[in-house]
Protein backbone atom coordinates (compact mmCIF):
# COMPACT_ATOMS: atom_id res chain seq x y z
CA MET A 1 -210.02 -49.28 -61.26
CA PHE A 2 -210.70 -52.46 -59.35
CA ASP A 3 -207.31 -52.43 -57.62
CA ASP A 4 -207.69 -48.76 -56.70
CA LEU A 5 -211.19 -49.31 -55.30
CA VAL A 6 -210.20 -52.39 -53.26
CA ARG A 7 -206.96 -50.85 -51.95
CA LEU A 8 -208.76 -47.63 -51.02
CA GLU A 9 -211.39 -49.62 -49.11
CA THR A 10 -208.71 -51.66 -47.33
CA ASP A 11 -206.63 -48.63 -46.35
CA LEU A 12 -209.74 -46.71 -45.27
CA TRP A 13 -211.09 -49.63 -43.23
CA ASN A 14 -207.74 -50.24 -41.53
CA THR A 15 -207.25 -46.58 -40.64
CA ILE A 16 -210.73 -46.05 -39.25
CA ASP A 17 -210.69 -49.39 -37.44
CA ALA A 18 -207.38 -48.52 -35.74
CA ARG A 19 -208.65 -45.10 -34.60
CA LEU A 20 -211.97 -46.47 -33.31
CA THR A 21 -210.22 -49.28 -31.47
CA THR A 22 -207.65 -46.98 -29.91
CA GLU A 23 -209.86 -43.99 -29.13
CA CYS A 24 -213.24 -45.59 -28.47
CA GLY A 25 -212.64 -49.26 -27.66
CA VAL A 26 -214.80 -50.56 -30.53
CA THR A 27 -213.87 -51.97 -33.88
CA LEU A 28 -215.19 -50.57 -37.16
CA GLY A 29 -217.20 -53.79 -37.54
CA THR A 30 -218.87 -53.19 -34.17
CA PHE A 31 -219.47 -49.54 -34.98
CA ASN A 32 -221.14 -50.54 -38.24
CA VAL A 33 -223.46 -53.00 -36.47
CA LEU A 34 -224.37 -50.42 -33.81
CA LEU A 35 -225.08 -47.82 -36.47
CA ILE A 36 -227.33 -50.10 -38.48
CA ILE A 37 -229.29 -51.22 -35.38
CA SER A 38 -229.72 -47.60 -34.33
CA GLU A 39 -231.16 -46.68 -37.75
CA THR A 40 -233.30 -49.78 -38.33
CA PRO A 41 -236.64 -50.06 -36.50
CA ALA A 42 -237.26 -53.57 -35.15
CA CYS A 43 -233.86 -54.69 -36.37
CA ARG A 44 -233.27 -58.42 -36.72
CA VAL A 45 -230.14 -60.42 -37.56
CA ASN A 46 -231.51 -60.88 -41.07
CA ASP A 47 -231.79 -57.10 -41.46
CA LEU A 48 -228.15 -56.71 -40.40
CA ALA A 49 -227.02 -59.44 -42.83
CA ALA A 50 -228.80 -57.68 -45.71
CA ALA A 51 -227.39 -54.26 -44.76
CA LEU A 52 -223.84 -55.59 -44.44
CA SER A 53 -224.01 -57.99 -47.43
CA ILE A 54 -222.74 -60.89 -45.33
CA THR A 55 -224.21 -64.17 -44.15
CA VAL A 56 -226.72 -64.54 -41.36
CA GLY A 57 -224.28 -66.86 -39.59
CA GLY A 58 -221.50 -64.26 -39.74
CA VAL A 59 -223.84 -61.56 -38.40
CA SER A 60 -225.14 -63.85 -35.67
CA GLN A 61 -221.59 -64.46 -34.43
CA ALA A 62 -220.82 -60.73 -34.49
CA VAL A 63 -224.05 -60.03 -32.56
CA ASP A 64 -223.05 -62.65 -29.98
CA ARG A 65 -219.68 -60.91 -29.45
CA ILE A 66 -221.20 -57.41 -29.26
CA GLU A 67 -223.94 -58.63 -26.90
CA ALA A 68 -221.28 -60.19 -24.65
CA LYS A 69 -219.67 -56.76 -24.42
CA GLY A 70 -222.97 -55.31 -23.19
CA LEU A 71 -223.52 -53.04 -26.20
CA LEU A 72 -226.77 -54.61 -27.42
CA VAL A 73 -229.47 -57.02 -26.30
CA ARG A 74 -231.69 -59.50 -28.08
CA LEU A 75 -235.36 -59.13 -27.27
CA PRO A 76 -238.25 -61.43 -28.16
CA ASN A 77 -239.89 -60.50 -31.48
CA PRO A 78 -243.61 -60.27 -30.87
CA ALA A 79 -244.30 -60.69 -34.61
CA ASN A 80 -242.17 -63.84 -35.00
CA ARG A 81 -241.21 -66.05 -32.08
CA ARG A 82 -238.38 -67.60 -34.14
CA SER A 83 -236.41 -64.36 -34.36
CA SER A 84 -235.18 -61.70 -31.97
CA LEU A 85 -235.12 -57.95 -32.15
CA LEU A 86 -231.81 -56.18 -31.54
CA GLU A 87 -231.57 -53.05 -29.45
CA LEU A 88 -228.64 -51.01 -28.23
CA THR A 89 -228.04 -50.79 -24.50
CA SER A 90 -227.16 -47.47 -22.90
CA ALA A 91 -223.51 -48.55 -23.19
CA GLY A 92 -224.12 -49.26 -26.91
CA TRP A 93 -225.61 -45.82 -27.43
CA GLN A 94 -222.60 -44.24 -25.65
CA ALA A 95 -220.17 -46.27 -27.78
CA LEU A 96 -222.02 -45.26 -30.95
CA GLU A 97 -221.99 -41.60 -29.99
CA SER A 98 -218.27 -41.45 -29.19
CA SER A 99 -217.26 -43.52 -32.17
CA SER A 100 -219.46 -41.54 -34.59
CA ALA A 101 -217.44 -38.41 -33.96
CA VAL A 102 -214.18 -40.25 -34.68
CA PHE A 103 -215.70 -41.97 -37.73
CA ASP A 104 -217.00 -38.71 -39.21
CA ALA A 105 -213.71 -36.88 -38.55
CA GLU A 106 -211.69 -39.62 -40.30
CA LEU A 107 -214.04 -39.70 -43.30
CA SER A 108 -213.61 -35.94 -43.57
CA VAL A 109 -209.85 -36.31 -43.73
CA TRP A 110 -210.11 -38.98 -46.43
CA PHE A 111 -212.74 -37.35 -48.65
CA ASP A 112 -213.35 -33.67 -47.86
CA GLY A 113 -209.68 -32.76 -48.18
CA PRO A 114 -208.88 -34.45 -51.49
CA LEU A 115 -212.31 -33.95 -53.11
CA ALA A 116 -214.32 -30.77 -53.48
CA ASP A 117 -217.77 -30.93 -51.85
CA SER A 118 -219.52 -31.51 -55.16
CA ARG A 119 -217.10 -34.25 -56.16
CA ALA A 120 -217.43 -35.99 -52.76
CA ALA A 121 -221.24 -35.83 -53.03
CA ARG A 122 -221.11 -37.23 -56.57
CA PHE A 123 -218.74 -40.03 -55.48
CA ALA A 124 -221.19 -40.98 -52.67
CA GLU A 125 -224.12 -40.96 -55.14
CA ASP A 126 -222.18 -43.12 -57.58
CA LEU A 127 -221.26 -45.61 -54.86
CA THR A 128 -224.93 -45.80 -53.79
CA THR A 129 -225.96 -46.45 -57.41
CA LEU A 130 -223.31 -49.17 -57.84
CA ARG A 131 -224.36 -50.90 -54.58
CA ALA A 132 -228.04 -50.85 -55.57
CA ALA A 133 -227.11 -52.39 -58.92
CA ALA A 134 -225.10 -55.10 -57.14
CA VAL A 135 -228.05 -55.89 -54.86
CA ALA A 136 -230.35 -56.14 -57.86
CA ARG A 137 -227.88 -58.38 -59.67
CA ARG A 138 -227.69 -60.68 -56.66
CA ALA A 139 -231.46 -60.84 -56.41
CA THR A 140 -231.86 -61.85 -60.07
CA SER A 141 -228.80 -64.08 -60.44
CA THR A 142 -229.25 -67.61 -61.61
CA SER A 143 -227.30 -70.73 -60.86
CA SER A 144 -225.42 -70.45 -64.15
CA PRO A 145 -221.64 -70.25 -63.80
CA PRO A 146 -220.16 -66.78 -63.75
CA SER A 147 -218.43 -65.50 -66.86
CA ALA A 148 -214.69 -65.15 -66.90
CA PRO A 149 -213.48 -62.12 -64.93
CA ARG A 150 -212.24 -59.16 -66.92
CA ARG A 151 -210.57 -55.91 -66.21
CA TYR A 152 -212.54 -52.69 -66.55
CA SER A 153 -210.86 -50.00 -68.61
CA PRO A 154 -212.67 -46.77 -69.08
CA SER A 155 -212.80 -45.70 -72.75
């Protein structure tokens, strides 16, 4: 199960990334950042890091690259002078709009074709549940060493 999940994610990422890069001039990573900013009021780097499950440093570097391309800007945060708010520029909104169509079309090929609507919806619900459980586990984890990894085999 683990290998199938990881390989599916890798193949899916690589395929969508190649299409977005070729057809829209943005990477899947950039698209993901633009999408999160567009859907998060008063978005900060910390909000992006939490949404993407990566470090603040990694997100900050990505934001620097995307800002240099003119797709977003950092604005002063009136509630906290130590942080900035992230907003899409008009070029960022245009990139998001064009890449959303490609992204949605590719997801349709990957999931709507092989899975019936009800199965695709259930798969999405199950992934959401598993991600929420992972977030909760991270939030309550202790500094104890992890147990030995094991393979999952459904009964």
